[in-house]
N, C-alpha and C. Protein backbone atom coordinates (compact mmCIF):
# COMPACT_ATOMS: atom_id res chain seq x y z
N UNK A 1 108.09 117.83 122.55
CA UNK A 1 108.12 117.27 121.22
C UNK A 1 109.48 116.63 120.97
N UNK A 2 109.47 115.37 120.59
CA UNK A 2 110.72 114.66 120.30
C UNK A 2 111.17 115.00 118.88
N UNK A 3 112.50 115.06 118.70
CA UNK A 3 113.07 115.34 117.39
C UNK A 3 114.11 114.29 117.05
N UNK A 4 114.10 113.83 115.81
CA UNK A 4 115.09 112.89 115.33
C UNK A 4 116.40 113.64 115.13
N UNK A 5 117.45 113.26 115.86
CA UNK A 5 118.71 114.01 115.78
C UNK A 5 119.43 113.80 114.46
N UNK A 6 119.09 112.74 113.72
CA UNK A 6 119.78 112.51 112.44
C UNK A 6 119.13 113.24 111.28
N UNK A 7 117.80 113.46 111.35
CA UNK A 7 117.14 114.06 110.20
C UNK A 7 116.38 115.34 110.53
N UNK A 8 116.25 115.67 111.82
CA UNK A 8 115.58 116.89 112.21
C UNK A 8 114.06 116.82 112.20
N UNK A 9 113.51 115.66 111.88
CA UNK A 9 112.05 115.52 111.84
C UNK A 9 111.51 115.30 113.25
N UNK A 10 110.35 115.84 113.51
CA UNK A 10 109.71 115.58 114.79
C UNK A 10 109.09 114.20 114.77
N UNK A 11 108.77 113.68 115.94
CA UNK A 11 108.13 112.37 116.03
C UNK A 11 106.84 112.36 115.21
N UNK A 12 106.06 113.44 115.33
CA UNK A 12 104.79 113.53 114.59
C UNK A 12 105.03 113.47 113.08
N UNK A 13 106.03 114.19 112.59
CA UNK A 13 106.33 114.17 111.16
C UNK A 13 106.73 112.77 110.71
N UNK A 14 107.50 112.08 111.53
CA UNK A 14 107.91 110.71 111.21
C UNK A 14 106.71 109.77 111.13
N UNK A 15 105.80 109.92 112.08
CA UNK A 15 104.59 109.10 112.08
C UNK A 15 103.75 109.39 110.85
N UNK A 16 103.59 110.66 110.53
CA UNK A 16 102.80 111.04 109.36
C UNK A 16 103.42 110.52 108.08
N UNK A 17 104.72 110.61 107.97
CA UNK A 17 105.40 110.13 106.77
C UNK A 17 105.24 108.62 106.62
N UNK A 18 105.40 107.89 107.73
CA UNK A 18 105.25 106.44 107.69
C UNK A 18 103.82 106.07 107.32
N UNK A 19 102.84 106.80 107.85
CA UNK A 19 101.44 106.54 107.49
C UNK A 19 101.19 106.80 106.01
N UNK A 20 101.80 107.85 105.48
CA UNK A 20 101.65 108.15 104.06
C UNK A 20 102.27 107.04 103.22
N UNK A 21 103.48 106.63 103.56
CA UNK A 21 104.16 105.57 102.81
C UNK A 21 103.41 104.25 102.87
N UNK A 22 102.77 103.98 104.01
CA UNK A 22 102.07 102.72 104.19
C UNK A 22 100.60 102.81 103.79
N UNK A 23 100.19 103.95 103.26
CA UNK A 23 98.81 104.19 102.84
C UNK A 23 97.83 103.96 103.99
N UNK A 24 98.24 104.39 105.19
CA UNK A 24 97.37 104.32 106.36
C UNK A 24 97.39 102.99 107.11
N UNK A 25 98.20 102.05 106.67
CA UNK A 25 98.28 100.74 107.33
C UNK A 25 99.18 100.87 108.56
N UNK A 26 98.59 100.75 109.75
CA UNK A 26 99.35 100.94 110.99
C UNK A 26 100.48 99.94 111.16
N UNK A 27 100.22 98.68 110.86
CA UNK A 27 101.25 97.64 111.01
C UNK A 27 102.43 97.92 110.09
N UNK A 28 102.14 98.29 108.85
CA UNK A 28 103.20 98.59 107.88
C UNK A 28 103.96 99.86 108.29
N UNK A 29 103.25 100.87 108.76
CA UNK A 29 103.91 102.10 109.20
C UNK A 29 104.84 101.82 110.37
N UNK A 30 104.40 100.98 111.30
CA UNK A 30 105.25 100.61 112.43
C UNK A 30 106.50 99.87 111.95
N UNK A 31 106.32 98.96 110.97
CA UNK A 31 107.47 98.23 110.41
C UNK A 31 108.46 99.18 109.76
N UNK A 32 107.96 100.17 109.02
CA UNK A 32 108.82 101.16 108.37
C UNK A 32 109.67 101.88 109.41
N UNK A 33 109.05 102.19 110.56
CA UNK A 33 109.77 102.91 111.61
C UNK A 33 110.60 102.00 112.52
N UNK A 34 110.42 100.69 112.35
CA UNK A 34 111.19 99.75 113.16
C UNK A 34 110.69 99.64 114.60
N UNK A 35 109.38 99.85 114.79
CA UNK A 35 108.80 99.74 116.13
C UNK A 35 107.59 98.82 116.06
N UNK A 36 107.12 98.39 117.22
CA UNK A 36 105.94 97.55 117.29
C UNK A 36 104.67 98.34 117.02
N UNK A 37 103.62 97.62 116.62
CA UNK A 37 102.35 98.27 116.30
C UNK A 37 101.77 98.99 117.52
N UNK A 38 101.85 98.37 118.70
CA UNK A 38 101.32 98.99 119.91
C UNK A 38 102.07 100.27 120.23
N UNK A 39 103.39 100.24 120.09
CA UNK A 39 104.20 101.43 120.31
C UNK A 39 103.83 102.52 119.32
N UNK A 40 103.60 102.11 118.08
CA UNK A 40 103.20 103.05 117.04
C UNK A 40 101.87 103.71 117.40
N UNK A 41 100.89 102.91 117.82
CA UNK A 41 99.57 103.45 118.17
C UNK A 41 99.67 104.38 119.39
N UNK A 42 100.51 104.04 120.35
CA UNK A 42 100.72 104.91 121.51
C UNK A 42 101.33 106.24 121.08
N UNK A 43 102.27 106.19 120.14
CA UNK A 43 102.90 107.42 119.63
C UNK A 43 101.88 108.27 118.88
N UNK A 44 100.99 107.61 118.12
CA UNK A 44 99.94 108.35 117.42
C UNK A 44 99.06 109.10 118.42
N UNK A 45 98.67 108.39 119.48
CA UNK A 45 97.82 109.00 120.50
C UNK A 45 98.55 110.16 121.18
N UNK A 46 99.82 109.95 121.52
CA UNK A 46 100.63 110.98 122.19
C UNK A 46 100.76 112.23 121.32
N UNK A 47 100.78 112.05 120.01
CA UNK A 47 100.96 113.17 119.08
C UNK A 47 99.65 113.69 118.52
N UNK A 48 98.53 113.20 119.03
CA UNK A 48 97.22 113.69 118.61
C UNK A 48 96.83 113.34 117.19
N UNK A 49 97.35 112.24 116.67
CA UNK A 49 97.00 111.82 115.32
C UNK A 49 95.75 110.94 115.37
N UNK A 50 94.78 111.20 114.51
CA UNK A 50 93.54 110.44 114.53
C UNK A 50 93.71 109.05 113.95
N UNK A 51 92.86 108.14 114.39
CA UNK A 51 92.81 106.80 113.81
C UNK A 51 91.48 106.64 113.11
N UNK A 52 91.43 105.84 112.08
CA UNK A 52 90.16 105.55 111.45
C UNK A 52 90.19 105.67 109.94
N UNK A 53 89.01 105.52 109.33
CA UNK A 53 88.90 105.56 107.87
C UNK A 53 89.37 106.89 107.30
N UNK A 54 90.04 106.83 106.18
CA UNK A 54 90.47 108.05 105.51
C UNK A 54 91.72 108.68 106.11
N UNK A 55 92.35 107.99 107.06
CA UNK A 55 93.51 108.56 107.73
C UNK A 55 94.64 108.87 106.76
N UNK A 56 94.94 107.93 105.88
CA UNK A 56 96.05 108.15 104.95
C UNK A 56 95.82 109.39 104.09
N UNK A 57 94.59 109.55 103.63
CA UNK A 57 94.28 110.71 102.78
C UNK A 57 94.42 112.01 103.57
N UNK A 58 93.90 112.02 104.81
CA UNK A 58 93.99 113.24 105.64
C UNK A 58 95.44 113.58 105.94
N UNK A 59 96.23 112.57 106.28
CA UNK A 59 97.65 112.80 106.60
C UNK A 59 98.38 113.30 105.37
N UNK A 60 98.13 112.68 104.23
CA UNK A 60 98.81 113.07 102.99
C UNK A 60 98.45 114.50 102.59
N UNK A 61 97.16 114.86 102.67
CA UNK A 61 96.74 116.21 102.32
C UNK A 61 97.34 117.24 103.27
N UNK A 62 97.41 116.91 104.55
CA UNK A 62 98.03 117.83 105.52
C UNK A 62 99.50 118.02 105.20
N UNK A 63 100.17 116.93 104.82
CA UNK A 63 101.59 117.01 104.49
C UNK A 63 101.79 117.88 103.24
N UNK A 64 100.93 117.69 102.23
CA UNK A 64 101.05 118.50 101.02
C UNK A 64 100.84 119.98 101.31
N UNK A 65 99.87 120.29 102.18
CA UNK A 65 99.65 121.70 102.54
C UNK A 65 100.87 122.27 103.25
N UNK A 66 101.49 121.47 104.10
CA UNK A 66 102.65 121.94 104.88
C UNK A 66 103.84 122.22 103.98
N UNK A 67 104.05 121.39 102.97
CA UNK A 67 105.22 121.59 102.09
C UNK A 67 104.91 122.51 100.92
N UNK A 68 103.66 122.98 100.85
CA UNK A 68 103.31 123.96 99.85
C UNK A 68 103.11 123.44 98.44
N UNK A 69 102.60 122.23 98.33
CA UNK A 69 102.35 121.65 96.99
C UNK A 69 100.90 121.64 96.68
């Protein structure tokens, strides 16, 4: 598992946060992270994140459960 040395977030957490901010738009999430869309999709696959309809809602709900809100 990769970790961001500046913020302590794992790669998966970064992907989930970008997906939440972009409301599930992969191209926008990749732009937020400063990477290409293909690289973003490869990272999603590597981290076991699903693609498809309702992704933003599933990611956001999972994040809310994790932070206890």
